[in-house]
Amino acid sequence: MLTLAQLLEPLSRHRTSEVVVTTMSAVRPWGLLSDSDLDFASADSAMGHAADLALGVALAVPSRKVVCLNGDGSMLMCLGTLATAVETAAHNFILIVSDNGEYEITGHQPVPGSGRVDYAGLAEAAGFRQVHRYDDAREWAAAVPEILTSLGPTFVHVEVEPGNQGPIGRDGSEAARYLQHSLADWARIFRGALAAR
């Protein structure tokens, strides 16, 4: 089992020009590792739709890889995205599910089916071109460069330890730059970065 830092650090180190969409427990830690206008925090409204948003960006900008750092609870809420990613042949879409078994930032409630739902198995059944499972930090770190360059859609399931984060805000108290702006303002910055290519 990895820590969230062990999941995010190799991704940050090998990331070049990929879009990264984060949600829930990955939002703060990713924002401390990355200060790119191509980062988007999907944690303000409809929980469970970070993967949908990231897939939409991947389809709109097929020349750029799009990585979604999703949670297991969020993934459970939008399983249809798996079929849609395959149906649309989103070759530039990388969906990473950080599985800690709980809804961490909303109060540590257990995710239904935790330990029983096989997210990677669901991605395989949906027809993802690449499906990976990791519970070892060294294996994950070694695999990141290939995952970022392989033809997708790509699904990655990573078992991570639960953390202790609370709710996320955009009130100026967050250290991550993409949380120091309103969602509307950051969406304009993000859209500008996408248009610049």
C-alpha atoms as a PDB file:
ATOM      1  CA  MET A   1       0.000   0.000   0.000  1.00  0.00           C
ATOM      2  CA  LEU A   2       1.280   3.466  -0.918  1.00  0.00           C
ATOM      3  CA  THR A   3       1.024   6.760   0.842  1.00  0.00           C
ATOM      4  CA  LEU A   4      -0.590   9.540  -1.160  1.00  0.00           C
ATOM      5  CA  ALA A   5       2.848  11.183  -1.398  1.00  0.00           C
ATOM      6  CA  GLN A   6       4.296   8.001  -2.918  1.00  0.00           C
ATOM      7  CA  LEU A   7       1.529   8.045  -5.512  1.00  0.00           C
ATOM      8  CA  LEU A   8       1.866  11.718  -6.447  1.00  0.00           C
ATOM      9  CA  GLU A   9       5.602  12.416  -6.284  1.00  0.00           C
ATOM     10  CA  PRO A  10       6.690  10.168  -9.208  1.00  0.00           C
ATOM     11  CA  LEU A  11       3.824  11.518 -11.287  1.00  0.00           C
ATOM     12  CA  SER A  12       4.921  15.079 -10.538  1.00  0.00           C
ATOM     13  CA  ARG A  13       8.539  14.255 -11.357  1.00  0.00           C
ATOM     14  CA  HIS A  14       7.747  12.728 -14.764  1.00  0.00           C
ATOM     15  CA  ARG A  15       4.910  15.035 -15.773  1.00  0.00           C
ATOM     16  CA  THR A  16       5.689  17.284 -18.731  1.00  0.00           C
ATOM     17  CA  SER A  17       2.782  18.986 -20.505  1.00  0.00           C
ATOM     18  CA  GLU A  18      -0.069  16.749 -19.337  1.00  0.00           C
ATOM     19  CA  VAL A  19      -3.293  18.205 -17.983  1.00  0.00           C
ATOM     20  CA  VAL A  20      -3.932  16.971 -14.427  1.00  0.00           C
ATOM     21  CA  VAL A  21      -7.455  17.009 -12.989  1.00  0.00           C
ATOM     22  CA  THR A  22      -7.584  16.293  -9.257  1.00  0.00           C
ATOM     23  CA  THR A  23     -10.385  15.646  -6.847  1.00  0.00           C
ATOM     24  CA  MET A  24     -10.868  15.230  -3.112  1.00  0.00           C
ATOM     25  CA  SER A  25      -7.842  13.865  -1.215  1.00  0.00           C
ATOM     26  CA  ALA A  26      -5.398  14.469  -4.101  1.00  0.00           C
ATOM     27  CA  VAL A  27      -6.262  18.163  -4.525  1.00  0.00           C
ATOM     28  CA  ARG A  28      -4.114  19.715  -1.771  1.00  0.00           C
ATOM     29  CA  PRO A  29      -1.050  17.460  -2.081  1.00  0.00           C
ATOM     30  CA  TRP A  30      -0.955  17.775  -5.886  1.00  0.00           C
ATOM     31  CA  GLY A  31      -1.264  21.550  -5.640  1.00  0.00           C
ATOM     32  CA  LEU A  32       1.823  21.609  -3.413  1.00  0.00           C
ATOM     33  CA  LEU A  33       3.817  19.566  -5.940  1.00  0.00           C
ATOM     34  CA  SER A  34       2.662  21.360  -9.067  1.00  0.00           C
ATOM     35  CA  ASP A  35       2.044  25.000  -9.928  1.00  0.00           C
ATOM     36  CA  SER A  36       0.885  24.538 -13.520  1.00  0.00           C
ATOM     37  CA  ASP A  37      -1.981  26.349 -15.196  1.00  0.00           C
ATOM     38  CA  LEU A  38      -2.788  22.915 -16.658  1.00  0.00           C
ATOM     39  CA  ASP A  39      -3.914  21.667 -13.232  1.00  0.00           C
ATOM     40  CA  PHE A  40      -7.606  21.705 -12.389  1.00  0.00           C
ATOM     41  CA  ALA A  41      -9.108  21.035  -8.959  1.00  0.00           C
ATOM     42  CA  SER A  42     -12.525  19.412  -9.391  1.00  0.00           C
ATOM     43  CA  ALA A  43     -13.570  19.485  -5.755  1.00  0.00           C
ATOM     44  CA  ASP A  44     -16.054  22.323  -5.495  1.00  0.00           C
ATOM     45  CA  SER A  45     -19.369  20.951  -6.626  1.00  0.00           C
ATOM     46  CA  ALA A  46     -20.714  17.629  -7.877  1.00  0.00           C
ATOM     47  CA  MET A  47     -18.625  14.934  -6.218  1.00  0.00           C
ATOM     48  CA  GLY A  48     -17.886  12.074  -8.541  1.00  0.00           C
ATOM     49  CA  HIS A  49     -17.467  14.051 -11.744  1.00  0.00           C
ATOM     50  CA  ALA A  50     -13.717  14.683 -11.944  1.00  0.00           C
ATOM     51  CA  ALA A  51     -13.333  11.736 -14.329  1.00  0.00           C
ATOM     52  CA  ASP A  52     -16.151  13.064 -16.532  1.00  0.00           C
ATOM     53  CA  LEU A  53     -14.539  16.506 -16.635  1.00  0.00           C
ATOM     54  CA  ALA A  54     -11.102  15.072 -17.414  1.00  0.00           C
ATOM     55  CA  LEU A  55     -12.540  12.881 -20.167  1.00  0.00           C
ATOM     56  CA  GLY A  56     -14.251  15.910 -21.684  1.00  0.00           C
ATOM     57  CA  VAL A  57     -10.931  17.785 -21.728  1.00  0.00           C
ATOM     58  CA  ALA A  58      -9.210  14.761 -23.302  1.00  0.00           C
ATOM     59  CA  LEU A  59     -11.805  14.650 -26.059  1.00  0.00           C
ATOM     60  CA  ALA A  60     -11.660  18.419 -26.628  1.00  0.00           C
ATOM     61  CA  VAL A  61      -7.838  18.517 -26.775  1.00  0.00           C
ATOM     62  CA  PRO A  62      -6.754  15.156 -28.263  1.00  0.00           C
ATOM     63  CA  SER A  63      -3.185  16.389 -28.771  1.00  0.00           C
ATOM     64  CA  ARG A  64      -2.569  16.549 -25.002  1.00  0.00           C
ATOM     65  CA  LYS A  65      -2.514  13.763 -22.400  1.00  0.00           C
ATOM     66  CA  VAL A  66      -5.055  14.226 -19.623  1.00  0.00           C
ATOM     67  CA  VAL A  67      -4.528  12.595 -16.224  1.00  0.00           C
ATOM     68  CA  CYS A  68      -7.376  12.333 -13.725  1.00  0.00           C
ATOM     69  CA  LEU A  69      -6.428  11.733 -10.085  1.00  0.00           C
ATOM     70  CA  ASN A  70      -9.721  10.281  -8.909  1.00  0.00           C
ATOM     71  CA  GLY A  71     -10.716   8.674  -5.617  1.00  0.00           C
ATOM     72  CA  ASP A  72     -12.409   5.331  -5.125  1.00  0.00           C
ATOM     73  CA  GLY A  73     -15.545   6.995  -3.744  1.00  0.00           C
ATOM     74  CA  SER A  74     -15.665   9.417  -6.651  1.00  0.00           C
ATOM     75  CA  MET A  75     -15.106   6.590  -9.139  1.00  0.00           C
ATOM     76  CA  LEU A  76     -17.945   4.591  -7.629  1.00  0.00           C
ATOM     77  CA  MET A  77     -20.257   7.546  -8.256  1.00  0.00           C
ATOM     78  CA  CYS A  78     -19.554   7.673 -12.011  1.00  0.00           C
ATOM     79  CA  LEU A  79     -18.797   4.173 -13.258  1.00  0.00           C
ATOM     80  CA  GLY A  80     -20.411   5.036 -16.584  1.00  0.00           C
ATOM     81  CA  THR A  81     -17.344   7.116 -17.392  1.00  0.00           C
ATOM     82  CA  LEU A  82     -15.426   3.867 -17.902  1.00  0.00           C
ATOM     83  CA  ALA A  83     -17.673   2.801 -20.768  1.00  0.00           C
ATOM     84  CA  THR A  84     -17.733   6.311 -22.237  1.00  0.00           C
ATOM     85  CA  ALA A  85     -13.925   6.578 -22.264  1.00  0.00           C
ATOM     86  CA  VAL A  86     -13.698   3.344 -24.234  1.00  0.00           C
ATOM     87  CA  GLU A  87     -16.601   4.160 -26.563  1.00  0.00           C
ATOM     88  CA  THR A  88     -15.007   7.503 -27.460  1.00  0.00           C
ATOM     89  CA  ALA A  89     -11.553   5.898 -27.914  1.00  0.00           C
ATOM     90  CA  ALA A  90      -9.940   8.539 -25.694  1.00  0.00           C
ATOM     91  CA  HIS A  91      -6.345   7.529 -26.463  1.00  0.00           C
ATOM     92  CA  ASN A  92      -4.958  10.432 -24.392  1.00  0.00           C
ATOM     93  CA  PHE A  93      -6.968   9.735 -21.205  1.00  0.00           C
ATOM     94  CA  ILE A  94      -5.287   8.352 -18.066  1.00  0.00           C
ATOM     95  CA  LEU A  95      -7.616   7.623 -15.155  1.00  0.00           C
ATOM     96  CA  ILE A  96      -5.864   6.951 -11.847  1.00  0.00           C
ATOM     97  CA  VAL A  97      -8.005   5.754  -8.943  1.00  0.00           C
ATOM     98  CA  SER A  98      -6.459   6.406  -5.553  1.00  0.00           C
ATOM     99  CA  ASP A  99      -8.209   3.795  -3.398  1.00  0.00           C
ATOM    100  CA  ASN A 100      -8.103   4.526   0.346  1.00  0.00           C
ATOM    101  CA  GLY A 101     -11.457   2.947   1.190  1.00  0.00           C
ATOM    102  CA  GLU A 102     -13.046   6.119   2.533  1.00  0.00           C
ATOM    103  CA  TYR A 103     -14.501   9.507   1.724  1.00  0.00           C
ATOM    104  CA  GLU A 104     -11.574  11.233   3.365  1.00  0.00           C
ATOM    105  CA  ILE A 105     -12.282  14.963   3.134  1.00  0.00           C
ATOM    106  CA  THR A 106     -15.976  14.702   3.957  1.00  0.00           C
ATOM    107  CA  GLY A 107     -15.464  12.895   7.261  1.00  0.00           C
ATOM    108  CA  HIS A 108     -13.836   9.496   6.675  1.00  0.00           C
ATOM    109  CA  GLN A 109     -17.064   7.654   5.875  1.00  0.00           C
ATOM    110  CA  PRO A 110     -16.412   4.182   4.414  1.00  0.00           C
ATOM    111  CA  VAL A 111     -16.849   3.811   0.664  1.00  0.00           C
ATOM    112  CA  PRO A 112     -19.541   1.172  -0.053  1.00  0.00           C
ATOM    113  CA  GLY A 113     -17.999  -2.049  -1.312  1.00  0.00           C
ATOM    114  CA  SER A 114     -14.516  -1.085  -0.148  1.00  0.00           C
ATOM    115  CA  GLY A 115     -12.209  -4.063  -0.527  1.00  0.00           C
ATOM    116  CA  ARG A 116     -14.747  -5.883  -2.716  1.00  0.00           C
ATOM    117  CA  VAL A 117     -15.256  -3.626  -5.731  1.00  0.00           C
ATOM    118  CA  ASP A 118     -12.586  -4.410  -8.323  1.00  0.00           C
ATOM    119  CA  TYR A 119     -12.145  -1.072 -10.087  1.00  0.00           C
ATOM    120  CA  ALA A 120      -9.422  -2.392 -12.384  1.00  0.00           C
ATOM    121  CA  GLY A 121     -11.629  -5.369 -13.235  1.00  0.00           C
ATOM    122  CA  LEU A 122     -14.449  -2.976 -14.146  1.00  0.00           C
ATOM    123  CA  ALA A 123     -12.078  -1.010 -16.394  1.00  0.00           C
ATOM    124  CA  GLU A 124     -10.978  -4.237 -18.081  1.00  0.00           C
ATOM    125  CA  ALA A 125     -14.596  -5.276 -18.602  1.00  0.00           C
ATOM    126  CA  ALA A 126     -15.365  -1.844 -20.091  1.00  0.00           C
ATOM    127  CA  GLY A 127     -12.538  -2.363 -22.594  1.00  0.00           C
ATOM    128  CA  PHE A 128      -9.739  -0.039 -21.456  1.00  0.00           C
ATOM    129  CA  ARG A 129      -6.655  -0.542 -23.633  1.00  0.00           C
ATOM    130  CA  GLN A 130      -4.291  -0.379 -20.636  1.00  0.00           C
ATOM    131  CA  VAL A 131      -5.193  -1.465 -17.079  1.00  0.00           C
ATOM    132  CA  HIS A 132      -2.690  -1.456 -14.214  1.00  0.00           C
ATOM    133  CA  ARG A 133      -2.807  -2.285 -10.501  1.00  0.00           C
ATOM    134  CA  TYR A 134      -0.270  -1.090  -7.931  1.00  0.00           C
ATOM    135  CA  ASP A 135       0.173  -1.571  -4.217  1.00  0.00           C
ATOM    136  CA  ASP A 136       3.968  -1.192  -4.151  1.00  0.00           C
ATOM    137  CA  ALA A 137       5.603   2.250  -4.269  1.00  0.00           C
ATOM    138  CA  ARG A 138       8.729   1.160  -6.171  1.00  0.00           C
ATOM    139  CA  GLU A 139       6.761  -0.662  -8.860  1.00  0.00           C
ATOM    140  CA  TRP A 140       4.495   2.354  -9.309  1.00  0.00           C
ATOM    141  CA  ALA A 141       7.403   4.815  -9.505  1.00  0.00           C
ATOM    142  CA  ALA A 142       9.134   2.667 -12.127  1.00  0.00           C
ATOM    143  CA  ALA A 143       5.962   2.397 -14.227  1.00  0.00           C
ATOM    144  CA  VAL A 144       4.993   6.089 -14.339  1.00  0.00           C
ATOM    145  CA  PRO A 145       7.061   7.110 -17.417  1.00  0.00           C
ATOM    146  CA  GLU A 146       5.558   4.344 -19.551  1.00  0.00           C
ATOM    147  CA  ILE A 147       2.031   5.031 -18.287  1.00  0.00           C
ATOM    148  CA  LEU A 148       2.342   8.700 -19.242  1.00  0.00           C
ATOM    149  CA  THR A 149       3.424   7.853 -22.788  1.00  0.00           C
ATOM    150  CA  SER A 150       1.325   4.778 -23.599  1.00  0.00           C
ATOM    151  CA  LEU A 151      -1.698   4.785 -25.876  1.00  0.00           C
ATOM    152  CA  GLY A 152      -4.927   4.760 -23.881  1.00  0.00           C
ATOM    153  CA  PRO A 153      -7.470   4.925 -22.589  1.00  0.00           C
ATOM    154  CA  THR A 154      -5.441   3.905 -19.568  1.00  0.00           C
ATOM    155  CA  PHE A 155      -6.743   2.930 -16.126  1.00  0.00           C
ATOM    156  CA  VAL A 156      -4.575   2.707 -13.008  1.00  0.00           C
ATOM    157  CA  HIS A 157      -5.766   1.412  -9.638  1.00  0.00           C
ATOM    158  CA  VAL A 158      -3.490   2.286  -6.713  1.00  0.00           C
ATOM    159  CA  GLU A 159      -4.082   1.193  -3.131  1.00  0.00           C
ATOM    160  CA  VAL A 160      -3.228   4.072  -0.781  1.00  0.00           C
ATOM    161  CA  GLU A 161      -3.324   4.585   2.953  1.00  0.00           C
ATOM    162  CA  PRO A 162      -6.133   6.768   4.317  1.00  0.00           C
ATOM    163  CA  GLY A 163      -5.088  10.308   5.185  1.00  0.00           C
ATOM    164  CA  ASN A 164      -6.460  12.919   7.540  1.00  0.00           C
ATOM    165  CA  GLN A 165      -7.539  15.848   5.373  1.00  0.00           C
ATOM    166  CA  GLY A 166     -10.637  17.903   5.955  1.00  0.00           C
ATOM    167  CA  PRO A 167     -12.838  19.907   3.576  1.00  0.00           C
ATOM    168  CA  ILE A 168     -11.243  21.953   0.799  1.00  0.00           C
ATOM    169  CA  GLY A 169     -11.934  25.660   0.430  1.00  0.00           C
ATOM    170  CA  ARG A 170     -11.193  28.563  -1.886  1.00  0.00           C
ATOM    171  CA  ASP A 171     -11.108  31.214   0.822  1.00  0.00           C
ATOM    172  CA  GLY A 172      -7.455  32.178   0.454  1.00  0.00           C
ATOM    173  CA  SER A 173      -6.250  29.880   3.231  1.00  0.00           C
ATOM    174  CA  GLU A 174      -5.192  27.027   0.942  1.00  0.00           C
ATOM    175  CA  ALA A 175      -1.518  26.846  -0.080  1.00  0.00           C
ATOM    176  CA  ALA A 176      -2.147  25.376  -3.532  1.00  0.00           C
ATOM    177  CA  ARG A 177      -2.303  28.165  -6.129  1.00  0.00           C
ATOM    178  CA  TYR A 178      -5.195  26.587  -8.021  1.00  0.00           C
ATOM    179  CA  LEU A 179      -7.279  26.840  -4.837  1.00  0.00           C
ATOM    180  CA  GLN A 180      -6.446  30.505  -4.244  1.00  0.00           C
ATOM    181  CA  HIS A 181      -8.782  31.490  -7.090  1.00  0.00           C
ATOM    182  CA  SER A 182     -12.516  31.077  -7.424  1.00  0.00           C
ATOM    183  CA  LEU A 183     -13.567  28.124  -9.543  1.00  0.00           C
ATOM    184  CA  ALA A 184     -14.722  30.525 -12.285  1.00  0.00           C
ATOM    185  CA  ASP A 185     -11.439  32.452 -12.284  1.00  0.00           C
ATOM    186  CA  TRP A 186      -9.325  29.300 -12.338  1.00  0.00           C
ATOM    187  CA  ALA A 187     -11.456  27.869 -15.152  1.00  0.00           C
ATOM    188  CA  ARG A 188     -10.489  30.929 -17.245  1.00  0.00           C
ATOM    189  CA  ILE A 189      -6.789  30.446 -16.433  1.00  0.00           C
ATOM    190  CA  PHE A 190      -7.054  26.732 -17.236  1.00  0.00           C
ATOM    191  CA  ARG A 191      -8.895  27.368 -20.516  1.00  0.00           C
ATOM    192  CA  GLY A 192      -6.219  29.877 -21.522  1.00  0.00           C
ATOM    193  CA  ALA A 193      -3.462  27.335 -20.841  1.00  0.00           C
ATOM    194  CA  LEU A 194      -5.286  24.729 -22.934  1.00  0.00           C
ATOM    195  CA  ALA A 195      -5.720  27.188 -25.802  1.00  0.00           C
ATOM    196  CA  ALA A 196      -2.006  28.083 -25.727  1.00  0.00           C
ATOM    197  CA  ARG A 197      -0.976  24.456 -26.398  1.00  0.00           C
END
